[in-house]
Amino acid sequence: MAEQANSEKRRFKRVPVSFAMLYAVKLPFVVRMISGNRERSAVSQDIGEGGMGLLTNFEIPADSLLKVKFTLTNESILDNVERTRNFELDVQVHYCSPVENGSFRLGVSFINIVLSERQFIADYIRSNILLPHPEFE
């Protein structure tokens, strides 16, 4: 009954279909920051091969060393096992700037990131953030 009421409110009629679609989730991913023995949440704002921008509720001084944990999924990789990678990386805070609502933006760089991790992040950026693919130019 509720479905019928909703369909009557629609401006255009809908018909059943079945086809493949592609989509990209543009929401930030959650990052766990560990400083000493305290774990805190942050939200990613951007990521690059060398570091990332984070939004957090905690002021963390520049030059602090942290560990961050996050998961990236590269949907362009067909192998279900290979498309998702969990990261646990050491980072150094380069800046901590206050932003609205009492939050802080951290700029961090990855420390001792291995080549395979850096490459996965680079592929993630090219595939999922829709940066130009040099091989197609």
Protein backbone atom coordinates (compact mmCIF):
# COMPACT_ATOMS: atom_id res chain seq x y z
CA MET A 1 0.00 0.00 0.00
CA ALA A 2 2.81 2.42 0.89
CA GLU A 3 4.53 1.67 -2.43
CA GLN A 4 1.34 2.55 -4.29
CA ALA A 5 1.05 5.84 -2.37
CA ASN A 6 4.68 6.70 -3.23
CA SER A 7 4.18 5.86 -6.90
CA GLU A 8 1.17 8.15 -7.03
CA LYS A 9 3.35 11.03 -5.81
CA ARG A 10 5.93 10.48 -8.54
CA ARG A 11 5.91 12.89 -11.41
CA PHE A 12 7.11 10.26 -13.90
CA LYS A 13 6.15 6.62 -14.15
CA ARG A 14 8.82 4.02 -13.34
CA VAL A 15 9.32 0.71 -15.07
CA PRO A 16 11.38 -2.26 -13.89
CA VAL A 17 14.84 -2.55 -15.47
CA SER A 18 18.01 -4.54 -15.00
CA PHE A 19 21.38 -3.24 -16.15
CA ALA A 20 24.92 -2.85 -14.86
CA MET A 21 25.98 0.44 -13.31
CA LEU A 22 29.22 1.97 -12.12
CA TYR A 23 29.37 4.26 -9.11
CA ALA A 24 31.94 5.95 -6.94
CA VAL A 25 31.56 6.69 -3.26
CA LYS A 26 32.87 10.18 -2.70
CA LEU A 27 32.50 10.23 1.06
CA PRO A 28 35.66 10.37 3.10
CA PHE A 29 36.94 7.24 4.74
CA VAL A 30 37.47 6.90 8.48
CA VAL A 31 40.99 6.84 9.84
CA ARG A 32 42.07 5.65 13.29
CA MET A 33 44.99 7.62 14.75
CA ILE A 34 47.15 6.16 17.47
CA SER A 35 49.35 8.43 19.55
CA GLY A 36 51.10 6.73 22.44
CA ASN A 37 48.49 4.24 23.61
CA ARG A 38 45.44 6.39 22.77
CA GLU A 39 43.36 5.68 19.67
CA ARG A 40 41.23 8.43 18.15
CA SER A 41 39.08 8.82 15.08
CA ALA A 42 39.71 11.14 12.18
CA VAL A 43 38.14 11.61 8.75
CA SER A 44 40.19 11.71 5.58
CA GLN A 45 39.99 14.85 3.48
CA ASP A 46 42.52 13.94 0.84
CA ILE A 47 45.22 11.39 0.14
CA GLY A 48 48.35 11.28 -1.98
CA GLU A 49 51.24 8.89 -2.39
CA GLY A 50 53.21 10.74 0.27
CA GLY A 51 50.58 11.61 2.88
CA MET A 52 47.06 12.69 3.66
CA GLY A 53 44.89 15.42 5.10
CA LEU A 54 42.81 14.52 8.14
CA LEU A 55 40.01 16.21 10.05
CA THR A 56 39.99 15.50 13.79
CA ASN A 57 38.62 16.90 17.02
CA PHE A 58 42.03 16.89 18.66
CA GLU A 59 44.85 19.40 18.39
CA ILE A 60 48.03 17.48 17.65
CA PRO A 61 51.30 19.44 17.50
CA ALA A 62 53.41 19.61 14.35
CA ASP A 63 56.26 17.07 14.25
CA SER A 64 54.22 14.55 16.30
CA LEU A 65 54.59 10.96 15.20
CA LEU A 66 51.38 8.92 14.89
CA LYS A 67 50.22 5.61 13.52
CA VAL A 68 47.19 5.69 11.23
CA LYS A 69 44.93 2.81 10.24
CA PHE A 70 42.58 2.92 7.27
CA THR A 71 41.21 0.74 4.49
CA LEU A 72 41.10 1.55 0.79
CA THR A 73 39.07 -0.33 -1.79
CA ASN A 74 40.01 0.04 -5.43
CA GLU A 75 36.95 -1.07 -7.37
CA SER A 76 38.88 -1.11 -10.65
CA ILE A 77 40.77 -4.23 -9.48
CA LEU A 78 38.79 -7.29 -10.53
CA ASP A 79 40.23 -9.70 -7.95
CA ASN A 80 38.07 -9.47 -4.80
CA VAL A 81 41.02 -10.31 -2.55
CA GLU A 82 43.42 -7.79 -4.11
CA ARG A 83 41.02 -4.83 -4.38
CA THR A 84 40.93 -4.02 -0.66
CA ARG A 85 43.99 -3.19 1.41
CA ASN A 86 44.24 -2.37 5.09
CA PHE A 87 46.92 0.16 5.93
CA GLU A 88 48.69 0.71 9.23
CA LEU A 89 51.28 3.42 8.63
CA ASP A 90 53.53 5.64 10.68
CA VAL A 91 53.04 9.33 9.91
CA GLN A 92 54.54 12.65 10.89
CA VAL A 93 52.30 15.66 11.47
CA HIS A 94 53.43 18.64 9.39
CA TYR A 95 50.73 21.06 10.47
CA CYS A 96 47.64 21.27 12.62
CA SER A 97 45.26 24.10 11.71
CA PRO A 98 42.01 24.97 13.47
CA VAL A 99 38.90 24.84 11.28
CA GLU A 100 35.26 25.58 12.02
CA ASN A 101 33.31 23.73 14.71
CA GLY A 102 36.36 23.25 16.93
CA SER A 103 37.94 20.70 14.57
CA PHE A 104 41.52 20.59 13.33
CA ARG A 105 42.98 19.78 9.93
CA LEU A 106 46.17 17.75 10.06
CA GLY A 107 48.60 17.41 7.21
CA VAL A 108 50.61 14.22 7.65
CA SER A 109 53.28 12.47 5.62
CA PHE A 110 53.81 8.73 5.49
CA ILE A 111 57.03 7.47 7.07
CA ASN A 112 58.73 4.29 5.81
CA ILE A 113 55.88 3.40 3.45
CA VAL A 114 56.80 0.38 1.34
CA LEU A 115 56.68 0.52 -2.44
CA SER A 116 53.67 -1.82 -2.75
CA GLU A 117 51.63 0.36 -0.36
CA ARG A 118 52.62 3.55 -2.19
CA GLN A 119 51.72 1.91 -5.52
CA PHE A 120 48.30 0.80 -4.25
CA ILE A 121 47.55 4.36 -3.12
CA ALA A 122 48.72 5.73 -6.49
CA ASP A 123 46.50 3.24 -8.35
CA TYR A 124 43.59 4.08 -6.04
CA ILE A 125 43.99 7.77 -6.83
CA ARG A 126 44.20 7.21 -10.60
CA SER A 127 41.27 4.78 -10.66
CA ASN A 128 38.85 6.12 -8.09
CA ILE A 129 39.43 9.83 -7.86
CA LEU A 130 39.29 10.15 -11.62
CA LEU A 131 42.69 11.76 -12.11
CA PRO A 132 44.04 11.66 -15.66
CA HIS A 133 45.56 8.33 -16.64
CA PRO A 134 48.94 9.09 -18.26
CA GLU A 135 48.82 5.82 -20.24
CA PHE A 136 45.70 7.09 -22.06
CA GLU A 137 46.98 10.54 -22.95
